[in-house]
C-alpha atoms as a PDB file:
ATOM      1  CA  MET A   1      -6.324  -3.180  23.343  1.00  0.00           C
ATOM      2  CA  ARG A   2      -4.827  -3.824  19.951  1.00  0.00           C
ATOM      3  CA  ASP A   3      -7.413  -6.573  19.534  1.00  0.00           C
ATOM      4  CA  LEU A   4     -10.261  -4.106  20.304  1.00  0.00           C
ATOM      5  CA  GLN A   5      -8.886  -1.517  17.962  1.00  0.00           C
ATOM      6  CA  ARG A   6      -8.666  -4.109  15.173  1.00  0.00           C
ATOM      7  CA  LYS A   7     -12.229  -5.265  15.837  1.00  0.00           C
ATOM      8  CA  LEU A   8     -13.442  -1.684  15.868  1.00  0.00           C
ATOM      9  CA  ASN A   9     -11.786  -1.123  12.496  1.00  0.00           C
ATOM     10  CA  THR A  10     -13.730  -3.976  11.110  1.00  0.00           C
ATOM     11  CA  VAL A  11     -17.299  -3.500  12.597  1.00  0.00           C
ATOM     12  CA  LEU A  12     -17.167   0.280  11.957  1.00  0.00           C
ATOM     13  CA  ASP A  13     -14.914   0.624   9.083  1.00  0.00           C
ATOM     14  CA  ALA A  14     -12.988   2.833  11.237  1.00  0.00           C
ATOM     15  CA  ASN A  15      -9.536   4.298  10.901  1.00  0.00           C
ATOM     16  CA  LEU A  16      -7.909   3.756  14.079  1.00  0.00           C
ATOM     17  CA  VAL A  17      -4.106   3.248  14.399  1.00  0.00           C
ATOM     18  CA  VAL A  18      -3.701  -0.149  16.044  1.00  0.00           C
ATOM     19  CA  ASP A  19      -1.138   1.049  18.806  1.00  0.00           C
ATOM     20  CA  GLY A  20      -2.659  -0.422  21.968  1.00  0.00           C
ATOM     21  CA  GLN A  21      -3.405   2.965  23.513  1.00  0.00           C
ATOM     22  CA  PHE A  22      -6.977   3.879  24.528  1.00  0.00           C
ATOM     23  CA  GLY A  23      -6.697   7.438  23.279  1.00  0.00           C
ATOM     24  CA  PRO A  24      -9.390   9.996  22.160  1.00  0.00           C
ATOM     25  CA  ALA A  25      -9.839   8.321  18.614  1.00  0.00           C
ATOM     26  CA  THR A  26     -10.512   4.916  20.157  1.00  0.00           C
ATOM     27  CA  THR A  27     -12.893   6.480  22.750  1.00  0.00           C
ATOM     28  CA  ARG A  28     -14.690   8.257  19.978  1.00  0.00           C
ATOM     29  CA  ALA A  29     -14.969   4.903  18.028  1.00  0.00           C
ATOM     30  CA  VAL A  30     -16.389   3.048  21.073  1.00  0.00           C
ATOM     31  CA  ARG A  31     -19.071   5.787  21.565  1.00  0.00           C
ATOM     32  CA  MET A  32     -19.830   5.661  17.955  1.00  0.00           C
ATOM     33  CA  TYR A  33     -20.338   1.810  18.240  1.00  0.00           C
ATOM     34  CA  GLN A  34     -22.502   2.203  21.388  1.00  0.00           C
ATOM     35  CA  THR A  35     -24.740   4.733  19.678  1.00  0.00           C
ATOM     36  CA  SER A  36     -25.453   2.195  16.876  1.00  0.00           C
ATOM     37  CA  ILE A  37     -26.667  -0.460  19.413  1.00  0.00           C
ATOM     38  CA  ASP A  38     -29.850   0.286  21.295  1.00  0.00           C
ATOM     39  CA  GLU A  39     -29.127  -1.653  24.458  1.00  0.00           C
ATOM     40  CA  LEU A  40     -25.801  -0.126  25.136  1.00  0.00           C
ATOM     41  CA  VAL A  41     -25.032   2.904  27.344  1.00  0.00           C
ATOM     42  CA  VAL A  42     -23.036   5.583  25.339  1.00  0.00           C
ATOM     43  CA  ASP A  43     -20.273   6.208  27.706  1.00  0.00           C
ATOM     44  CA  GLY A  44     -17.025   5.392  25.710  1.00  0.00           C
ATOM     45  CA  VAL A  45     -16.220   2.635  28.201  1.00  0.00           C
ATOM     46  CA  VAL A  46     -15.634  -0.994  27.006  1.00  0.00           C
ATOM     47  CA  GLY A  47     -17.436  -2.824  29.809  1.00  0.00           C
ATOM     48  CA  PRO A  48     -18.604  -6.488  29.591  1.00  0.00           C
ATOM     49  CA  GLN A  49     -21.840  -5.650  27.526  1.00  0.00           C
ATOM     50  CA  THR A  50     -20.091  -3.514  25.104  1.00  0.00           C
ATOM     51  CA  MET A  51     -17.231  -5.974  24.618  1.00  0.00           C
ATOM     52  CA  ALA A  52     -19.623  -8.840  24.087  1.00  0.00           C
ATOM     53  CA  SER A  53     -21.524  -6.885  21.564  1.00  0.00           C
ATOM     54  CA  ILE A  54     -18.452  -5.907  19.512  1.00  0.00           C
ATOM     55  CA  ASN A  55     -17.349  -9.643  19.592  1.00  0.00           C
ATOM     56  CA  ARG A  56     -20.699 -10.822  18.313  1.00  0.00           C
ATOM     57  CA  VAL A  57     -20.794  -8.471  15.358  1.00  0.00           C
ATOM     58  CA  TYR A  58     -17.152  -9.013  14.572  1.00  0.00           C
ATOM     59  CA  ALA A  59     -17.729 -12.846  14.695  1.00  0.00           C
ATOM     60  CA  LYS A  60     -20.617 -12.530  12.192  1.00  0.00           C
ATOM     61  CA  LYS A  61     -18.302 -10.684   9.767  1.00  0.00           C
ATOM     62  CA  ALA A  62     -15.455 -13.048  10.364  1.00  0.00           C
ATOM     63  CA  ASP A  63     -17.608 -16.155   9.915  1.00  0.00           C
ATOM     64  CA  ARG A  64     -18.781 -14.808   6.575  1.00  0.00           C
ATOM     65  CA  TYR A  65     -15.350 -15.119   5.173  1.00  0.00           C
ATOM     66  CA  GLN A  66     -14.086 -17.987   7.372  1.00  0.00           C
ATOM     67  CA  GLY A  67     -11.146 -19.797   5.694  1.00  0.00           C
ATOM     68  CA  LEU A  68     -10.861 -17.467   2.662  1.00  0.00           C
ATOM     69  CA  GLY A  69      -7.511 -16.098   3.663  1.00  0.00           C
ATOM     70  CA  LYS A  70      -6.182 -18.620   6.168  1.00  0.00           C
ATOM     71  CA  GLY A  71      -2.712 -19.854   5.349  1.00  0.00           C
ATOM     72  CA  GLN A  72      -2.604 -18.016   2.002  1.00  0.00           C
ATOM     73  CA  PHE A  73       0.304 -15.935   0.572  1.00  0.00           C
ATOM     74  CA  VAL A  74      -1.328 -12.725  -0.841  1.00  0.00           C
ATOM     75  CA  ILE A  75       0.057  -9.797  -2.737  1.00  0.00           C
ATOM     76  CA  PHE A  76      -1.845  -6.476  -2.073  1.00  0.00           C
ATOM     77  CA  VAL A  77      -1.463  -4.151  -5.022  1.00  0.00           C
ATOM     78  CA  ASP A  78      -1.982  -0.453  -4.566  1.00  0.00           C
ATOM     79  CA  ALA A  79      -2.236   2.062  -7.442  1.00  0.00           C
ATOM     80  CA  GLY A  80      -1.101   5.198  -5.681  1.00  0.00           C
ATOM     81  CA  HIS A  81      -2.901   8.501  -6.108  1.00  0.00           C
ATOM     82  CA  GLY A  82      -5.179  10.038  -8.754  1.00  0.00           C
ATOM     83  CA  GLY A  83      -8.594   9.295 -10.056  1.00  0.00           C
ATOM     84  CA  LEU A  84     -11.387  10.073 -12.733  1.00  0.00           C
ATOM     85  CA  ASP A  85     -14.852  11.385 -12.134  1.00  0.00           C
ATOM     86  CA  HIS A  86     -17.887   9.696 -13.613  1.00  0.00           C
ATOM     87  CA  ARG A  87     -17.345  11.579 -16.975  1.00  0.00           C
ATOM     88  CA  GLY A  88     -13.727  10.111 -17.233  1.00  0.00           C
ATOM     89  CA  VAL A  89     -12.157  13.461 -16.318  1.00  0.00           C
ATOM     90  CA  TYR A  90      -9.072  13.477 -14.387  1.00  0.00           C
ATOM     91  CA  VAL A  91      -9.877  15.396 -11.173  1.00  0.00           C
ATOM     92  CA  THR A  92      -6.957  14.846  -8.763  1.00  0.00           C
ATOM     93  CA  PRO A  93      -4.887  18.039  -8.363  1.00  0.00           C
ATOM     94  CA  GLY A  94      -1.126  17.942  -8.456  1.00  0.00           C
ATOM     95  CA  LYS A  95      -0.765  14.183  -9.594  1.00  0.00           C
ATOM     96  CA  ARG A  96      -0.129  15.191 -13.192  1.00  0.00           C
ATOM     97  CA  ALA A  97       2.346  16.793 -15.574  1.00  0.00           C
ATOM     98  CA  ARG A  98       2.418  18.140 -19.108  1.00  0.00           C
ATOM     99  CA  HIS A  99       5.407  17.724 -21.516  1.00  0.00           C
ATOM    100  CA  ASP A 100       5.547  18.696 -25.198  1.00  0.00           C
ATOM    101  CA  GLY A 101       1.662  19.047 -25.360  1.00  0.00           C
ATOM    102  CA  LYS A 102       1.086  15.587 -23.827  1.00  0.00           C
ATOM    103  CA  ASP A 103      -0.529  14.990 -20.470  1.00  0.00           C
ATOM    104  CA  TYR A 104       0.860  12.621 -17.897  1.00  0.00           C
ATOM    105  CA  TYR A 105      -1.705  11.491 -15.214  1.00  0.00           C
ATOM    106  CA  GLU A 106      -0.035   9.626 -12.282  1.00  0.00           C
ATOM    107  CA  GLY A 107      -3.310   7.963 -11.232  1.00  0.00           C
ATOM    108  CA  VAL A 108      -3.740   6.432 -14.784  1.00  0.00           C
ATOM    109  CA  GLU A 109      -0.150   5.403 -15.092  1.00  0.00           C
ATOM    110  CA  ASN A 110      -0.237   3.868 -11.638  1.00  0.00           C
ATOM    111  CA  ARG A 111      -3.253   1.713 -12.455  1.00  0.00           C
ATOM    112  CA  LEU A 112      -1.560   0.595 -15.769  1.00  0.00           C
ATOM    113  CA  ALA A 113       1.515  -0.480 -13.846  1.00  0.00           C
ATOM    114  CA  ALA A 114      -0.518  -2.151 -11.132  1.00  0.00           C
ATOM    115  CA  GLU A 115      -2.695  -4.049 -13.641  1.00  0.00           C
ATOM    116  CA  ALA A 116       0.344  -5.139 -15.707  1.00  0.00           C
ATOM    117  CA  PHE A 117       1.937  -6.520 -12.425  1.00  0.00           C
ATOM    118  CA  ILE A 118      -1.291  -8.175 -11.257  1.00  0.00           C
ATOM    119  CA  GLN A 119      -1.520  -9.934 -14.894  1.00  0.00           C
ATOM    120  CA  ALA A 120       1.992 -11.163 -14.620  1.00  0.00           C
ATOM    121  CA  ALA A 121       1.661 -12.236 -10.980  1.00  0.00           C
ATOM    122  CA  THR A 122      -1.574 -14.065 -11.506  1.00  0.00           C
ATOM    123  CA  LYS A 123      -0.195 -15.873 -14.457  1.00  0.00           C
ATOM    124  CA  ALA A 124       2.710 -16.951 -12.235  1.00  0.00           C
ATOM    125  CA  GLY A 125       0.179 -18.293  -9.632  1.00  0.00           C
ATOM    126  CA  TYR A 126       0.025 -15.632  -7.151  1.00  0.00           C
ATOM    127  CA  HIS A 127      -3.201 -14.357  -5.506  1.00  0.00           C
ATOM    128  CA  CYS A 128      -3.445 -10.531  -5.882  1.00  0.00           C
ATOM    129  CA  ILE A 129      -5.926  -8.238  -4.184  1.00  0.00           C
ATOM    130  CA  ARG A 130      -6.414  -4.674  -5.371  1.00  0.00           C
ATOM    131  CA  THR A 131      -6.686  -1.878  -2.784  1.00  0.00           C
ATOM    132  CA  TYR A 132      -7.848   0.644  -5.328  1.00  0.00           C
ATOM    133  CA  HIS A 133     -11.043   1.436  -7.320  1.00  0.00           C
ATOM    134  CA  PRO A 134     -10.924   1.110 -11.155  1.00  0.00           C
ATOM    135  CA  TYR A 135     -11.063   4.847 -11.686  1.00  0.00           C
ATOM    136  CA  LYS A 136     -11.916   6.757  -8.471  1.00  0.00           C
ATOM    137  CA  ASP A 137      -9.188   7.885  -6.063  1.00  0.00           C
ATOM    138  CA  THR A 138      -9.774   5.566  -3.059  1.00  0.00           C
ATOM    139  CA  PRO A 139      -9.160   7.158   0.402  1.00  0.00           C
ATOM    140  CA  LEU A 140      -5.989   5.868   2.053  1.00  0.00           C
ATOM    141  CA  TYR A 141      -7.770   4.477   5.219  1.00  0.00           C
ATOM    142  CA  ILE A 142      -9.982   2.380   2.992  1.00  0.00           C
ATOM    143  CA  ARG A 143      -6.995   0.879   1.213  1.00  0.00           C
ATOM    144  CA  ALA A 144      -5.335   0.167   4.534  1.00  0.00           C
ATOM    145  CA  ASN A 145      -8.368  -1.331   5.953  1.00  0.00           C
ATOM    146  CA  THR A 146      -8.758  -3.612   2.976  1.00  0.00           C
ATOM    147  CA  VAL A 147      -5.228  -5.059   3.684  1.00  0.00           C
ATOM    148  CA  LYS A 148      -5.834  -5.428   7.380  1.00  0.00           C
ATOM    149  CA  GLU A 149      -9.116  -7.157   7.105  1.00  0.00           C
ATOM    150  CA  TRP A 150      -7.482  -9.897   4.915  1.00  0.00           C
ATOM    151  CA  LEU A 151      -4.441 -10.143   7.230  1.00  0.00           C
ATOM    152  CA  ASP A 152      -6.955 -10.440  10.146  1.00  0.00           C
ATOM    153  CA  GLN A 153      -8.125 -13.736   8.373  1.00  0.00           C
ATOM    154  CA  ASP A 154      -4.741 -15.093   8.778  1.00  0.00           C
ATOM    155  CA  CYS A 155      -3.212 -14.695   5.341  1.00  0.00           C
ATOM    156  CA  SER A 156       0.283 -13.380   4.859  1.00  0.00           C
ATOM    157  CA  GLY A 157       2.215 -11.640   2.200  1.00  0.00           C
ATOM    158  CA  TYR A 158       3.146  -8.009   1.265  1.00  0.00           C
ATOM    159  CA  LEU A 159       1.885  -4.825  -0.176  1.00  0.00           C
ATOM    160  CA  HIS A 160       3.387  -3.029  -3.225  1.00  0.00           C
ATOM    161  CA  SER A 161       2.113   0.559  -3.818  1.00  0.00           C
ATOM    162  CA  PHE A 162       2.952   1.861  -7.244  1.00  0.00           C
ATOM    163  CA  HIS A 163       3.509   5.566  -7.660  1.00  0.00           C
ATOM    164  CA  SER A 164       5.541   8.155  -9.715  1.00  0.00           C
ATOM    165  CA  ASN A 165       7.407  11.070  -7.948  1.00  0.00           C
ATOM    166  CA  ALA A 166       7.331  14.858  -8.350  1.00  0.00           C
ATOM    167  CA  ILE A 167       8.843  18.161  -7.113  1.00  0.00           C
ATOM    168  CA  SER A 168       7.248  21.529  -7.110  1.00  0.00           C
ATOM    169  CA  SER A 169       6.470  23.120 -10.381  1.00  0.00           C
ATOM    170  CA  ASP A 170       7.919  26.280  -8.914  1.00  0.00           C
ATOM    171  CA  ASN A 171      11.486  24.966  -9.561  1.00  0.00           C
ATOM    172  CA  THR A 172      13.191  26.108 -12.743  1.00  0.00           C
ATOM    173  CA  PRO A 173      12.750  23.915 -15.842  1.00  0.00           C
ATOM    174  CA  GLU A 174      16.439  22.990 -15.520  1.00  0.00           C
ATOM    175  CA  VAL A 175      15.895  21.624 -11.907  1.00  0.00           C
ATOM    176  CA  LEU A 176      12.698  19.821 -12.862  1.00  0.00           C
ATOM    177  CA  GLU A 177      14.423  17.966 -15.670  1.00  0.00           C
ATOM    178  CA  ALA A 178      17.405  17.220 -13.599  1.00  0.00           C
ATOM    179  CA  THR A 179      15.446  15.724 -10.652  1.00  0.00           C
ATOM    180  CA  ARG A 180      15.190  12.181 -11.901  1.00  0.00           C
ATOM    181  CA  GLY A 181      15.410   8.551 -10.725  1.00  0.00           C
ATOM    182  CA  TYR A 182      13.505   5.759  -9.047  1.00  0.00           C
ATOM    183  CA  MET A 183      13.023   5.441  -5.247  1.00  0.00           C
ATOM    184  CA  VAL A 184      11.558   2.798  -2.936  1.00  0.00           C
ATOM    185  CA  PHE A 185      10.022   3.605   0.485  1.00  0.00           C
ATOM    186  CA  THR A 186       9.274   1.673   3.549  1.00  0.00           C
ATOM    187  CA  GLY A 187       7.848   2.548   6.987  1.00  0.00           C
ATOM    188  CA  LEU A 188      10.044   3.586   9.902  1.00  0.00           C
ATOM    189  CA  GLY A 189      12.491   1.087  11.365  1.00  0.00           C
ATOM    190  CA  ASN A 190      14.100  -2.121  10.133  1.00  0.00           C
ATOM    191  CA  ASN A 191      11.917  -5.139   9.358  1.00  0.00           C
ATOM    192  CA  LEU A 192      10.876  -7.473   6.430  1.00  0.00           C
ATOM    193  CA  SER A 193       9.847  -4.407   4.397  1.00  0.00           C
ATOM    194  CA  ASP A 194      13.389  -3.179   4.290  1.00  0.00           C
ATOM    195  CA  GLN A 195      14.575  -6.576   2.991  1.00  0.00           C
ATOM    196  CA  ILE A 196      11.936  -6.402   0.215  1.00  0.00           C
ATOM    197  CA  ALA A 197      12.800  -2.980  -0.692  1.00  0.00           C
ATOM    198  CA  LYS A 198      16.504  -3.902  -0.979  1.00  0.00           C
ATOM    199  CA  GLN A 199      15.569  -6.700  -3.335  1.00  0.00           C
ATOM    200  CA  HIS A 200      13.307  -4.616  -5.377  1.00  0.00           C
ATOM    201  CA  LEU A 201      15.819  -1.995  -5.928  1.00  0.00           C
ATOM    202  CA  GLU A 202      18.307  -4.592  -7.267  1.00  0.00           C
ATOM    203  CA  HIS A 203      15.627  -5.906  -9.502  1.00  0.00           C
ATOM    204  CA  ILE A 204      14.942  -2.510 -11.001  1.00  0.00           C
ATOM    205  CA  LYS A 205      18.587  -2.034 -11.527  1.00  0.00           C
ATOM    206  CA  GLU A 206      19.095  -5.287 -13.280  1.00  0.00           C
ATOM    207  CA  GLU A 207      15.946  -5.061 -15.401  1.00  0.00           C
ATOM    208  CA  THR A 208      16.888  -1.550 -16.527  1.00  0.00           C
ATOM    209  CA  ALA A 209      20.402  -2.795 -17.195  1.00  0.00           C
ATOM    210  CA  GLY A 210      21.822  -0.300 -14.625  1.00  0.00           C
ATOM    211  CA  GLU A 211      21.104   2.608 -17.132  1.00  0.00           C
ATOM    212  CA  TRP A 212      18.511   4.274 -14.773  1.00  0.00           C
ATOM    213  CA  VAL A 213      19.676   6.298 -11.811  1.00  0.00           C
ATOM    214  CA  TYR A 214      18.409   5.504  -8.254  1.00  0.00           C
ATOM    215  CA  ARG A 215      18.090   8.629  -6.102  1.00  0.00           C
ATOM    216  CA  ASP A 216      20.447   8.231  -3.049  1.00  0.00           C
ATOM    217  CA  ASN A 217      18.890   7.566   0.365  1.00  0.00           C
ATOM    218  CA  ARG A 218      20.761  10.524   1.890  1.00  0.00           C
ATOM    219  CA  GLY A 219      21.357   8.925   5.353  1.00  0.00           C
ATOM    220  CA  ALA A 220      18.332   6.550   5.597  1.00  0.00           C
ATOM    221  CA  CYS A 221      18.744   3.537   7.734  1.00  0.00           C
ATOM    222  CA  GLY A 222      19.001   1.137   4.608  1.00  0.00           C
ATOM    223  CA  PRO A 223      19.068   1.187   0.851  1.00  0.00           C
ATOM    224  CA  ASP A 224      15.415   2.413   0.832  1.00  0.00           C
ATOM    225  CA  HIS A 225      13.869   5.649   2.041  1.00  0.00           C
ATOM    226  CA  ASP A 226      12.122   5.416   5.555  1.00  0.00           C
ATOM    227  CA  LYS A 227       8.936   7.541   5.525  1.00  0.00           C
ATOM    228  CA  ASN A 228       5.849   7.634   7.704  1.00  0.00           C
ATOM    229  CA  PHE A 229       3.470   7.467   4.691  1.00  0.00           C
ATOM    230  CA  GLN A 230      -0.068   6.555   5.811  1.00  0.00           C
ATOM    231  CA  ILE A 231      -0.487   3.425   3.563  1.00  0.00           C
ATOM    232  CA  LEU A 232       2.766   2.047   5.044  1.00  0.00           C
ATOM    233  CA  ARG A 233       2.061   3.084   8.578  1.00  0.00           C
ATOM    234  CA  GLN A 234      -1.346   1.646   8.758  1.00  0.00           C
ATOM    235  CA  THR A 235      -0.521  -1.693   7.208  1.00  0.00           C
ATOM    236  CA  ASP A 236       3.059  -2.702   8.122  1.00  0.00           C
ATOM    237  CA  LEU A 237       2.146  -3.660  11.736  1.00  0.00           C
ATOM    238  CA  SER A 238       4.015  -5.929  14.099  1.00  0.00           C
ATOM    239  CA  GLN A 239       0.944  -8.101  15.008  1.00  0.00           C
ATOM    240  CA  TYR A 240       1.012  -9.709  11.593  1.00  0.00           C
ATOM    241  CA  PRO A 241       3.658 -12.542  11.723  1.00  0.00           C
ATOM    242  CA  PHE A 242       4.782 -12.341   8.017  1.00  0.00           C
ATOM    243  CA  PHE A 243       3.901  -8.977   6.174  1.00  0.00           C
ATOM    244  CA  GLY A 244       5.867  -6.254   4.548  1.00  0.00           C
ATOM    245  CA  ALA A 245       5.004  -3.131   2.655  1.00  0.00           C
ATOM    246  CA  ILE A 246       6.901  -1.046   0.032  1.00  0.00           C
ATOM    247  CA  LEU A 247       6.042   1.999  -2.065  1.00  0.00           C
ATOM    248  CA  SER A 248       7.856   2.451  -5.238  1.00  0.00           C
ATOM    249  CA  GLU A 249       8.276   5.810  -6.943  1.00  0.00           C
ATOM    250  CA  TYR A 250       9.120   4.779 -10.473  1.00  0.00           C
ATOM    251  CA  GLY A 251      10.800   8.161 -11.609  1.00  0.00           C
ATOM    252  CA  PHE A 252       9.683  11.783 -11.433  1.00  0.00           C
ATOM    253  CA  HIS A 253       6.680  12.814 -13.506  1.00  0.00           C
ATOM    254  CA  THR A 254       7.897  16.460 -13.366  1.00  0.00           C
ATOM    255  CA  SER A 255      10.923  15.296 -15.573  1.00  0.00           C
ATOM    256  CA  LYS A 256      10.176  14.814 -19.296  1.00  0.00           C
ATOM    257  CA  SER A 257      13.049  12.346 -19.493  1.00  0.00           C
ATOM    258  CA  ASP A 258      11.629  10.163 -16.691  1.00  0.00           C
ATOM    259  CA  VAL A 259       8.167  10.372 -18.172  1.00  0.00           C
ATOM    260  CA  ASP A 260       9.527   9.259 -21.472  1.00  0.00           C
ATOM    261  CA  PHE A 261      10.918   6.231 -19.818  1.00  0.00           C
ATOM    262  CA  ILE A 262       7.996   5.565 -17.379  1.00  0.00           C
ATOM    263  CA  THR A 263       5.562   5.380 -20.336  1.00  0.00           C
ATOM    264  CA  SER A 264       7.783   3.645 -22.878  1.00  0.00           C
ATOM    265  CA  LYS A 265       7.333   0.010 -23.819  1.00  0.00           C
ATOM    266  CA  GLU A 266      10.832  -0.750 -22.392  1.00  0.00           C
ATOM    267  CA  GLY A 267      10.059   1.077 -19.056  1.00  0.00           C
ATOM    268  CA  ARG A 268       6.831  -0.581 -18.397  1.00  0.00           C
ATOM    269  CA  TRP A 269       8.098  -4.026 -19.194  1.00  0.00           C
ATOM    270  CA  ALA A 270      11.078  -3.542 -16.924  1.00  0.00           C
ATOM    271  CA  ARG A 271       8.876  -2.264 -13.981  1.00  0.00           C
ATOM    272  CA  THR A 272       6.584  -5.389 -14.405  1.00  0.00           C
ATOM    273  CA  GLN A 273       9.507  -7.753 -14.611  1.00  0.00           C
ATOM    274  CA  ALA A 274      11.272  -6.207 -11.549  1.00  0.00           C
ATOM    275  CA  SER A 275       8.003  -6.263  -9.440  1.00  0.00           C
ATOM    276  CA  LEU A 276       7.476  -9.914 -10.445  1.00  0.00           C
ATOM    277  CA  ARG A 277      10.873 -10.913  -9.389  1.00  0.00           C
ATOM    278  CA  THR A 278      10.265  -9.148  -6.090  1.00  0.00           C
ATOM    279  CA  ALA A 279       7.127 -11.025  -5.548  1.00  0.00           C
ATOM    280  CA  LYS A 280       8.899 -14.413  -6.147  1.00  0.00           C
ATOM    281  CA  TRP A 281      11.561 -13.406  -3.698  1.00  0.00           C
ATOM    282  CA  VAL A 282       9.031 -12.569  -0.956  1.00  0.00           C
ATOM    283  CA  HIS A 283       7.162 -15.792  -1.673  1.00  0.00           C
ATOM    284  CA  GLU A 284      10.302 -17.787  -1.325  1.00  0.00           C
ATOM    285  CA  GLU A 285      10.946 -16.138   2.101  1.00  0.00           C
ATOM    286  CA  TRP A 286       7.455 -16.893   3.123  1.00  0.00           C
ATOM    287  CA  LYS A 287       7.822 -20.584   2.305  1.00  0.00           C
ATOM    288  CA  LYS A 288      11.146 -20.774   4.304  1.00  0.00           C
ATOM    289  CA  GLN A 289       9.316 -19.250   7.282  1.00  0.00           C
ATOM    290  CA  SER A 290       6.363 -21.571   6.896  1.00  0.00           C
ATOM    291  CA  GLN A 291       8.487 -24.679   6.685  1.00  0.00           C
ATOM    292  CA  ALA A 292      10.522 -23.505   9.754  1.00  0.00           C
ATOM    293  CA  THR A 293       7.403 -23.197  11.883  1.00  0.00           C
END
């Protein structure tokens, strides 16, 4: 059933959770596929004819990219939320702040951080794949499908999603300014992602000389915060032998002090170097596992 859901995600660009359950969403996807093929009966049942047809279409797509990802270590880079329209106007509500007459746009800063990391990681010899559009705010299911389609080609690696954090502007100025610090999120449960997050937190601490505060996990199962975020939930899946996903919140853009640090030369440099060190750690772990098998 998981195999069917993965194939439907590829042939339809669907947004199915790969959970092995033939629920309403999977039934709808099957019917949608059957509707697109003249010789199939539209009944939502995956009989021999429907399965053979799905396999043929899936094979054509897979053959087109055969060998591109097989055996490769890949870093998937996600630039979080926020985007511009065709006129260059920032159009994403809520993902912005204004301090001392200056605007902070999370989507813009996320891309700057992601691109700086990609440049450094590429120079270090790593293969990076962007999940985001150069300026539009890409839907989360498209980002997740980008990752899964590469993983289905038998590559390995991890996802790093770059964000900044925020609290409601309804809070007092004092609370907005006092709520500061970096955080790292992983999906629910303990796996490789938690190990990556632990290393990344240490790297941030070291690269910022321990002068920047980490917001306590308040009872999470590890040093990171466990959250059911969509980009984590739909990529950090057990069927992939070696894969992890982290979402880093590099400070609160509702705090002027944090924005000053996030956008400073020193803050951006520290973020890039910490992320590159994390990439190197994950790559070493991947090499150990590859050698063991």
